[in-house]
N, C-alpha and C. Protein backbone atom coordinates (compact mmCIF):
# COMPACT_ATOMS: atom_id res chain seq x y z
N UNK A 1 24.07 4.85 5.01
CA UNK A 1 24.45 5.82 4.01
C UNK A 1 24.02 5.28 2.64
N UNK A 2 23.50 6.17 1.80
CA UNK A 2 23.04 5.76 0.48
C UNK A 2 23.32 6.87 -0.52
N UNK A 3 23.63 6.47 -1.74
CA UNK A 3 23.77 7.43 -2.83
C UNK A 3 22.40 7.59 -3.48
N UNK A 4 21.89 8.82 -3.50
CA UNK A 4 20.63 9.10 -4.15
C UNK A 4 20.96 9.84 -5.43
N UNK A 5 20.62 9.22 -6.54
CA UNK A 5 20.95 9.79 -7.84
C UNK A 5 20.09 10.99 -8.19
N UNK A 6 20.52 11.74 -9.19
CA UNK A 6 19.78 12.91 -9.65
C UNK A 6 18.43 12.46 -10.21
N UNK A 7 17.37 13.15 -9.84
CA UNK A 7 16.04 12.82 -10.30
C UNK A 7 15.35 11.73 -9.49
N UNK A 8 16.05 11.17 -8.51
CA UNK A 8 15.45 10.14 -7.66
C UNK A 8 14.90 10.81 -6.41
N UNK A 9 13.84 10.21 -5.85
CA UNK A 9 13.27 10.77 -4.63
C UNK A 9 13.05 9.67 -3.61
N UNK A 10 13.06 10.05 -2.36
CA UNK A 10 12.85 9.10 -1.26
C UNK A 10 11.35 8.97 -1.03
N UNK A 11 10.84 7.74 -1.05
CA UNK A 11 9.43 7.47 -0.87
C UNK A 11 9.13 7.14 0.58
N UNK A 12 10.01 6.35 1.22
CA UNK A 12 9.79 5.96 2.61
C UNK A 12 11.13 5.68 3.26
N UNK A 13 11.21 6.00 4.53
CA UNK A 13 12.38 5.68 5.34
C UNK A 13 11.86 4.98 6.59
N UNK A 14 12.43 3.83 6.88
CA UNK A 14 11.99 3.09 8.06
C UNK A 14 13.16 2.30 8.60
N UNK A 15 13.16 2.05 9.90
CA UNK A 15 14.26 1.28 10.50
C UNK A 15 14.15 -0.19 10.08
N UNK A 16 15.29 -0.82 9.93
CA UNK A 16 15.31 -2.24 9.60
C UNK A 16 14.93 -3.05 10.83
N UNK A 17 13.96 -3.95 10.66
CA UNK A 17 13.56 -4.87 11.70
C UNK A 17 13.58 -6.26 11.06
N UNK A 18 14.40 -7.14 11.60
CA UNK A 18 14.53 -8.48 11.03
C UNK A 18 13.17 -9.19 10.97
N UNK A 19 12.96 -9.88 9.88
CA UNK A 19 11.77 -10.71 9.65
C UNK A 19 10.47 -9.93 9.55
N UNK A 20 10.53 -8.62 9.42
CA UNK A 20 9.34 -7.83 9.21
C UNK A 20 8.99 -7.89 7.72
N UNK A 21 7.74 -7.58 7.38
CA UNK A 21 7.31 -7.57 5.99
C UNK A 21 6.67 -6.22 5.67
N UNK A 22 6.79 -5.81 4.41
CA UNK A 22 6.23 -4.54 3.95
C UNK A 22 5.43 -4.74 2.68
N UNK A 23 4.34 -4.00 2.56
CA UNK A 23 3.58 -3.95 1.32
C UNK A 23 4.21 -2.87 0.46
N UNK A 24 4.63 -3.25 -0.75
CA UNK A 24 5.29 -2.33 -1.68
C UNK A 24 4.36 -2.16 -2.87
N UNK A 25 3.99 -0.90 -3.19
CA UNK A 25 3.02 -0.66 -4.25
C UNK A 25 3.52 0.44 -5.18
N UNK A 26 3.38 0.21 -6.48
CA UNK A 26 3.73 1.20 -7.50
C UNK A 26 2.53 2.10 -7.77
N UNK A 27 2.77 3.24 -8.40
CA UNK A 27 1.70 4.19 -8.67
C UNK A 27 0.63 3.65 -9.62
N UNK A 28 0.92 2.59 -10.37
CA UNK A 28 -0.08 1.99 -11.24
C UNK A 28 -0.99 1.00 -10.51
N UNK A 29 -0.75 0.81 -9.21
CA UNK A 29 -1.60 -0.06 -8.41
C UNK A 29 -1.13 -1.50 -8.34
N UNK A 30 0.06 -1.79 -8.85
CA UNK A 30 0.61 -3.15 -8.75
C UNK A 30 1.49 -3.23 -7.50
N UNK A 31 1.45 -4.36 -6.81
CA UNK A 31 2.26 -4.47 -5.61
C UNK A 31 2.44 -5.89 -5.13
N UNK A 32 3.22 -6.02 -4.08
CA UNK A 32 3.50 -7.31 -3.45
C UNK A 32 3.99 -7.08 -2.04
N UNK A 33 4.08 -8.15 -1.29
CA UNK A 33 4.62 -8.08 0.07
C UNK A 33 6.07 -8.55 0.01
N UNK A 34 6.97 -7.77 0.60
CA UNK A 34 8.39 -8.09 0.58
C UNK A 34 8.94 -8.17 1.99
N UNK A 35 9.75 -9.20 2.26
CA UNK A 35 10.42 -9.28 3.56
C UNK A 35 11.50 -8.19 3.65
N UNK A 36 11.61 -7.52 4.78
CA UNK A 36 12.63 -6.47 4.91
C UNK A 36 14.03 -7.04 4.79
N UNK A 37 14.21 -8.31 5.13
CA UNK A 37 15.53 -8.94 4.99
C UNK A 37 15.99 -8.92 3.53
N UNK A 38 15.05 -8.94 2.59
CA UNK A 38 15.38 -8.93 1.16
C UNK A 38 15.51 -7.51 0.61
N UNK A 39 15.18 -6.50 1.41
CA UNK A 39 15.27 -5.11 0.96
C UNK A 39 16.65 -4.52 1.18
N UNK A 40 17.43 -5.13 2.03
CA UNK A 40 18.74 -4.59 2.38
C UNK A 40 19.71 -4.82 1.23
N UNK A 41 20.31 -3.73 0.76
CA UNK A 41 21.29 -3.82 -0.32
C UNK A 41 22.69 -3.88 0.24
N UNK A 42 23.56 -4.57 -0.46
CA UNK A 42 24.94 -4.71 -0.01
C UNK A 42 25.86 -3.63 -0.51
N UNK A 43 25.35 -2.74 -1.38
CA UNK A 43 26.18 -1.65 -1.91
C UNK A 43 25.53 -0.31 -1.60
N UNK A 44 26.28 0.76 -1.81
CA UNK A 44 25.73 2.11 -1.56
C UNK A 44 24.66 2.47 -2.57
N UNK A 45 24.66 1.85 -3.72
CA UNK A 45 23.63 2.11 -4.74
C UNK A 45 22.32 1.41 -4.39
N UNK A 46 22.36 0.50 -3.42
CA UNK A 46 21.14 -0.16 -3.00
C UNK A 46 20.83 -1.41 -3.80
N UNK A 47 19.54 -1.70 -3.92
CA UNK A 47 19.09 -2.93 -4.54
C UNK A 47 17.77 -2.66 -5.24
N UNK A 48 17.57 -3.26 -6.40
CA UNK A 48 16.29 -3.10 -7.11
C UNK A 48 15.28 -4.02 -6.46
N UNK A 49 14.17 -3.45 -6.03
CA UNK A 49 13.11 -4.21 -5.37
C UNK A 49 11.89 -4.29 -6.27
N UNK A 50 11.49 -3.17 -6.85
CA UNK A 50 10.27 -3.08 -7.64
C UNK A 50 10.63 -2.73 -9.07
N UNK A 51 10.26 -3.60 -10.00
CA UNK A 51 10.51 -3.34 -11.42
C UNK A 51 9.37 -2.48 -11.96
N UNK A 52 9.70 -1.32 -12.48
CA UNK A 52 8.68 -0.37 -12.92
C UNK A 52 8.83 -0.04 -14.40
N UNK A 53 7.69 0.20 -15.04
CA UNK A 53 7.67 0.73 -16.40
C UNK A 53 7.42 2.23 -16.28
N UNK A 54 8.07 3.02 -17.15
CA UNK A 54 7.83 4.47 -17.13
C UNK A 54 6.38 4.73 -17.49
N UNK A 55 5.73 5.68 -16.93
CA UNK A 55 6.15 6.74 -16.01
C UNK A 55 5.87 6.40 -14.55
N UNK A 56 5.62 5.15 -14.24
CA UNK A 56 5.23 4.77 -12.88
C UNK A 56 6.40 4.83 -11.91
N UNK A 57 6.05 5.02 -10.62
CA UNK A 57 7.07 5.08 -9.57
C UNK A 57 6.53 4.41 -8.32
N UNK A 58 7.39 4.22 -7.33
CA UNK A 58 6.95 3.64 -6.06
C UNK A 58 6.02 4.65 -5.39
N UNK A 59 4.87 4.17 -4.94
CA UNK A 59 3.89 5.07 -4.33
C UNK A 59 3.72 4.84 -2.83
N UNK A 60 3.76 3.57 -2.41
CA UNK A 60 3.46 3.24 -1.01
C UNK A 60 4.36 2.10 -0.54
N UNK A 61 4.93 2.26 0.64
CA UNK A 61 5.62 1.17 1.33
C UNK A 61 5.17 1.24 2.79
N UNK A 62 4.38 0.25 3.20
CA UNK A 62 3.81 0.25 4.55
C UNK A 62 4.01 -1.11 5.20
N UNK A 63 4.00 -1.18 6.53
CA UNK A 63 4.12 -2.47 7.22
C UNK A 63 2.99 -3.41 6.80
N UNK A 64 3.31 -4.67 6.60
CA UNK A 64 2.33 -5.68 6.20
C UNK A 64 1.95 -6.52 7.41
N UNK A 65 1.40 -5.87 8.42
CA UNK A 65 0.98 -6.53 9.65
C UNK A 65 -0.53 -6.54 9.71
N UNK A 66 -1.11 -7.67 9.36
CA UNK A 66 -2.56 -7.78 9.37
C UNK A 66 -3.03 -8.86 8.42
N UNK A 67 -4.35 -9.02 8.36
CA UNK A 67 -4.90 -10.06 7.50
C UNK A 67 -5.69 -9.52 6.32
N UNK A 68 -5.86 -8.20 6.24
CA UNK A 68 -6.56 -7.58 5.11
C UNK A 68 -5.81 -6.35 4.62
N UNK A 69 -6.00 -6.02 3.35
CA UNK A 69 -5.38 -4.86 2.72
C UNK A 69 -6.50 -3.91 2.30
N UNK A 70 -6.34 -2.64 2.61
CA UNK A 70 -7.27 -1.61 2.14
C UNK A 70 -6.49 -0.71 1.18
N UNK A 71 -7.04 -0.51 -0.01
CA UNK A 71 -6.41 0.37 -0.99
C UNK A 71 -7.43 1.41 -1.43
N UNK A 72 -6.94 2.61 -1.72
CA UNK A 72 -7.80 3.66 -2.25
C UNK A 72 -7.08 4.30 -3.43
N UNK A 73 -7.82 4.51 -4.50
CA UNK A 73 -7.24 5.06 -5.71
C UNK A 73 -7.41 6.56 -5.80
N UNK A 74 -6.72 7.14 -6.78
CA UNK A 74 -6.88 8.57 -7.05
C UNK A 74 -8.31 8.88 -7.47
N UNK A 75 -9.03 7.86 -7.94
CA UNK A 75 -10.44 8.01 -8.33
C UNK A 75 -11.38 7.99 -7.13
N UNK A 76 -10.81 7.92 -5.93
CA UNK A 76 -11.54 7.91 -4.65
C UNK A 76 -12.41 6.67 -4.48
N UNK A 77 -11.97 5.55 -4.99
CA UNK A 77 -12.66 4.28 -4.77
C UNK A 77 -11.80 3.43 -3.84
N UNK A 78 -12.44 2.84 -2.84
CA UNK A 78 -11.73 2.03 -1.85
C UNK A 78 -12.13 0.57 -1.99
N UNK A 79 -11.15 -0.32 -1.78
CA UNK A 79 -11.36 -1.76 -1.84
C UNK A 79 -10.60 -2.40 -0.68
N UNK A 80 -11.23 -3.39 -0.06
CA UNK A 80 -10.60 -4.17 1.01
C UNK A 80 -10.62 -5.63 0.59
N UNK A 81 -9.48 -6.30 0.71
CA UNK A 81 -9.40 -7.71 0.33
C UNK A 81 -8.41 -8.44 1.25
N UNK A 82 -8.50 -9.77 1.31
CA UNK A 82 -7.59 -10.54 2.19
C UNK A 82 -6.13 -10.38 1.77
N UNK A 83 -5.26 -10.24 2.74
CA UNK A 83 -3.82 -10.07 2.47
C UNK A 83 -3.21 -11.29 1.81
N UNK A 84 -3.82 -12.46 2.00
CA UNK A 84 -3.24 -13.66 1.37
C UNK A 84 -3.43 -13.67 -0.15
N UNK A 85 -4.16 -12.69 -0.71
CA UNK A 85 -4.29 -12.56 -2.16
C UNK A 85 -3.12 -11.78 -2.77
N UNK A 86 -2.25 -11.24 -1.91
CA UNK A 86 -1.08 -10.51 -2.38
C UNK A 86 0.14 -11.42 -2.20
N UNK A 87 0.88 -11.70 -3.28
CA UNK A 87 2.01 -12.62 -3.14
C UNK A 87 3.18 -12.01 -2.37
N UNK A 88 3.96 -12.87 -1.74
CA UNK A 88 5.20 -12.44 -1.11
C UNK A 88 6.30 -12.69 -2.13
N UNK A 89 7.06 -11.64 -2.44
CA UNK A 89 8.12 -11.72 -3.45
C UNK A 89 9.35 -10.98 -2.94
N UNK A 90 10.51 -11.34 -3.47
CA UNK A 90 11.73 -10.64 -3.10
C UNK A 90 12.01 -9.48 -4.04
N UNK A 91 11.46 -9.55 -5.26
CA UNK A 91 11.53 -8.45 -6.23
C UNK A 91 10.62 -8.77 -7.39
N UNK A 92 10.22 -7.75 -8.13
CA UNK A 92 9.36 -7.96 -9.28
C UNK A 92 8.42 -6.79 -9.49
N UNK A 93 7.37 -7.02 -10.32
CA UNK A 93 6.36 -6.00 -10.60
C UNK A 93 5.18 -6.11 -9.65
N UNK A 94 4.91 -7.31 -9.18
CA UNK A 94 3.77 -7.51 -8.31
C UNK A 94 2.50 -7.80 -9.11
N UNK A 95 1.38 -7.76 -8.43
CA UNK A 95 0.08 -8.04 -9.03
C UNK A 95 -0.81 -6.81 -8.89
N UNK A 96 -1.82 -6.74 -9.72
CA UNK A 96 -2.76 -5.61 -9.67
C UNK A 96 -3.57 -5.70 -8.38
N UNK A 97 -3.51 -4.65 -7.58
CA UNK A 97 -4.24 -4.62 -6.31
C UNK A 97 -5.65 -4.07 -6.48
N UNK A 98 -5.80 -3.09 -7.38
CA UNK A 98 -7.10 -2.48 -7.61
C UNK A 98 -7.19 -2.09 -9.07
N UNK A 99 -8.39 -2.18 -9.62
CA UNK A 99 -8.63 -1.88 -11.04
C UNK A 99 -8.97 -0.39 -11.19
N UNK A 100 -8.31 0.27 -12.15
CA UNK A 100 -8.55 1.69 -12.41
C UNK A 100 -8.81 1.90 -13.89
N UNK A 101 -9.75 2.80 -14.20
CA UNK A 101 -9.90 3.21 -15.59
C UNK A 101 -8.77 4.16 -15.95
N UNK A 102 -8.62 5.21 -15.14
CA UNK A 102 -7.48 6.12 -15.28
C UNK A 102 -6.94 6.35 -13.88
N UNK A 103 -5.75 6.89 -13.85
CA UNK A 103 -5.13 7.18 -12.56
C UNK A 103 -4.45 5.96 -11.98
N UNK A 104 -4.33 5.94 -10.68
CA UNK A 104 -3.64 4.85 -10.00
C UNK A 104 -3.96 4.88 -8.53
N UNK A 105 -3.03 4.35 -7.76
CA UNK A 105 -3.26 4.23 -6.32
C UNK A 105 -2.93 5.53 -5.60
N UNK A 106 -3.67 5.79 -4.54
CA UNK A 106 -3.39 6.95 -3.71
C UNK A 106 -2.73 6.50 -2.40
N UNK A 107 -3.28 5.44 -1.77
CA UNK A 107 -2.72 4.97 -0.50
C UNK A 107 -3.15 3.52 -0.27
N UNK A 108 -2.46 2.86 0.64
CA UNK A 108 -2.77 1.48 1.01
C UNK A 108 -2.43 1.27 2.47
N UNK A 109 -3.08 0.29 3.06
CA UNK A 109 -2.86 -0.02 4.47
C UNK A 109 -3.15 -1.50 4.68
N UNK A 110 -2.34 -2.16 5.50
CA UNK A 110 -2.60 -3.54 5.90
C UNK A 110 -3.09 -3.48 7.35
N UNK A 111 -4.18 -4.18 7.64
CA UNK A 111 -4.76 -4.09 8.98
C UNK A 111 -5.43 -5.41 9.35
N UNK A 112 -5.78 -5.53 10.63
CA UNK A 112 -6.51 -6.70 11.11
C UNK A 112 -8.00 -6.37 11.03
N UNK A 113 -8.74 -7.13 10.23
CA UNK A 113 -10.16 -6.87 10.03
C UNK A 113 -10.94 -6.90 11.34
N UNK A 114 -10.54 -7.77 12.26
CA UNK A 114 -11.24 -7.88 13.54
C UNK A 114 -11.16 -6.58 14.36
N UNK A 115 -10.11 -5.77 14.11
CA UNK A 115 -9.93 -4.50 14.83
C UNK A 115 -10.56 -3.33 14.10
N UNK A 116 -11.02 -3.53 12.87
CA UNK A 116 -11.61 -2.47 12.07
C UNK A 116 -10.55 -1.67 11.33
N UNK A 117 -11.00 -0.80 10.46
CA UNK A 117 -10.13 0.04 9.64
C UNK A 117 -9.99 1.42 10.27
N UNK A 118 -8.74 1.88 10.42
CA UNK A 118 -8.47 3.18 11.04
C UNK A 118 -7.89 4.15 10.01
N UNK A 119 -8.17 5.43 10.21
CA UNK A 119 -7.51 6.49 9.46
C UNK A 119 -7.53 7.75 10.28
N UNK A 120 -6.66 8.70 9.93
CA UNK A 120 -6.60 10.00 10.60
C UNK A 120 -7.12 11.06 9.65
N UNK A 121 -7.87 12.01 10.20
CA UNK A 121 -8.32 13.13 9.36
C UNK A 121 -7.29 14.25 9.45
N UNK A 122 -7.56 15.34 8.76
CA UNK A 122 -6.59 16.45 8.70
C UNK A 122 -6.37 17.11 10.06
N UNK A 123 -7.31 16.94 10.99
CA UNK A 123 -7.17 17.51 12.33
C UNK A 123 -6.45 16.56 13.28
N UNK A 124 -6.07 15.37 12.79
CA UNK A 124 -5.36 14.41 13.62
C UNK A 124 -6.24 13.47 14.41
N UNK A 125 -7.58 13.56 14.22
CA UNK A 125 -8.49 12.65 14.90
C UNK A 125 -8.45 11.28 14.24
N UNK A 126 -8.53 10.23 15.04
CA UNK A 126 -8.50 8.87 14.51
C UNK A 126 -9.92 8.34 14.40
N UNK A 127 -10.26 7.85 13.21
CA UNK A 127 -11.56 7.24 12.97
C UNK A 127 -11.38 5.73 12.90
N UNK A 128 -12.35 4.97 13.39
CA UNK A 128 -12.33 3.51 13.29
C UNK A 128 -13.68 3.05 12.77
N UNK A 129 -13.62 2.27 11.68
CA UNK A 129 -14.84 1.67 11.13
C UNK A 129 -14.78 0.18 11.47
N UNK A 130 -15.72 -0.30 12.29
CA UNK A 130 -15.67 -1.71 12.70
C UNK A 130 -15.96 -2.66 11.54
N UNK A 131 -15.56 -3.90 11.73
CA UNK A 131 -15.69 -4.95 10.71
C UNK A 131 -17.10 -5.02 10.12
N UNK A 132 -18.12 -4.97 10.95
CA UNK A 132 -19.50 -5.14 10.47
C UNK A 132 -19.91 -4.03 9.49
N UNK A 133 -19.29 -2.87 9.58
CA UNK A 133 -19.63 -1.76 8.69
C UNK A 133 -18.77 -1.72 7.43
N UNK A 134 -17.82 -2.64 7.30
CA UNK A 134 -16.92 -2.66 6.14
C UNK A 134 -17.35 -3.63 5.05
N UNK A 135 -18.45 -4.36 5.25
CA UNK A 135 -18.81 -5.42 4.31
C UNK A 135 -19.02 -4.93 2.87
N UNK A 136 -19.46 -3.69 2.68
CA UNK A 136 -19.68 -3.17 1.33
C UNK A 136 -18.37 -2.94 0.57
N UNK A 137 -17.25 -2.83 1.27
CA UNK A 137 -15.96 -2.56 0.62
C UNK A 137 -15.11 -3.82 0.48
N UNK A 138 -15.51 -4.90 1.13
CA UNK A 138 -14.72 -6.14 1.08
C UNK A 138 -15.01 -6.87 -0.22
N UNK A 139 -13.93 -7.23 -0.91
CA UNK A 139 -14.05 -7.95 -2.17
C UNK A 139 -12.79 -8.75 -2.41
N UNK A 140 -12.43 -8.87 -3.68
CA UNK A 140 -11.22 -9.58 -4.07
C UNK A 140 -10.25 -8.61 -4.72
N UNK A 141 -8.98 -8.97 -4.66
CA UNK A 141 -7.93 -8.16 -5.28
C UNK A 141 -8.28 -7.91 -6.75
N UNK A 142 -7.93 -6.73 -7.25
CA UNK A 142 -8.11 -6.32 -8.64
C UNK A 142 -9.53 -5.91 -9.00
N UNK A 143 -10.41 -5.76 -8.01
CA UNK A 143 -11.74 -5.20 -8.28
C UNK A 143 -11.64 -3.68 -8.22
N UNK A 144 -12.70 -2.98 -8.62
CA UNK A 144 -12.67 -1.52 -8.69
C UNK A 144 -12.89 -0.85 -7.34
N UNK A 145 -13.75 -1.41 -6.50
CA UNK A 145 -14.05 -0.78 -5.21
C UNK A 145 -15.21 0.18 -5.32
N UNK A 146 -15.44 0.92 -4.25
CA UNK A 146 -16.53 1.91 -4.21
C UNK A 146 -16.12 3.10 -3.35
N UNK A 147 -16.91 4.14 -3.37
CA UNK A 147 -16.58 5.35 -2.61
C UNK A 147 -16.36 5.01 -1.14
N UNK A 148 -15.38 5.66 -0.49
CA UNK A 148 -15.03 5.31 0.89
C UNK A 148 -16.13 5.68 1.89
N UNK A 149 -16.03 5.15 3.12
CA UNK A 149 -17.02 5.48 4.15
C UNK A 149 -17.04 6.98 4.46
N UNK A 150 -18.16 7.41 4.98
CA UNK A 150 -18.33 8.81 5.36
C UNK A 150 -17.24 9.20 6.36
N UNK A 151 -16.65 10.36 6.17
CA UNK A 151 -15.62 10.84 7.07
C UNK A 151 -14.20 10.54 6.60
N UNK A 152 -14.06 9.81 5.47
CA UNK A 152 -12.69 9.50 4.98
C UNK A 152 -12.08 10.79 4.44
N UNK A 153 -10.78 11.05 4.74
CA UNK A 153 -10.14 12.30 4.34
C UNK A 153 -10.20 12.55 2.83
N UNK A 154 -10.36 13.80 2.46
CA UNK A 154 -10.41 14.20 1.05
C UNK A 154 -9.07 14.00 0.35
N UNK A 155 -7.97 13.91 1.11
CA UNK A 155 -6.66 13.72 0.48
C UNK A 155 -6.40 12.25 0.11
N UNK A 156 -7.39 11.37 0.35
CA UNK A 156 -7.29 9.94 0.02
C UNK A 156 -6.15 9.24 0.71
N UNK A 157 -5.81 9.63 1.92
CA UNK A 157 -4.73 9.01 2.68
C UNK A 157 -5.27 8.45 3.99
N UNK A 158 -4.76 7.27 4.37
CA UNK A 158 -5.17 6.67 5.63
C UNK A 158 -4.53 7.38 6.83
N UNK A 159 -3.52 8.17 6.57
CA UNK A 159 -2.90 8.94 7.64
C UNK A 159 -1.64 8.35 8.04
């Protein structure tokens, strides 16, 4: 049970799994990896996890299971970088995941590079781009990235 205040919205709902980790990202593209054990609040009002400056809000909370992070911005540029470049924190602002001139993050995903990058299109079909075809998008955290591979959904979501 949780008290949701006026003007607040639910970004993600997921079951608690001990010792699991999640990638938490704000709309300005800053984020970090947080253990779910540290997300549990002891009161009905919850717990502050991500410190935000107005007008930014929480944009993405996804499982952090993998060795690489893929992010795509509202500018339709995608970047893939090693997950160890994202700090694990219990709370804070996080670090810049991708560089934007304007706009912010659209979606993010943590995945195993050896298995390739997956996404779903609007028809529900799953696409997989193998590791060897991802080399043009692999870089370091806080770079700008480049246009996504052919077939990536127009809504800029991994699915």
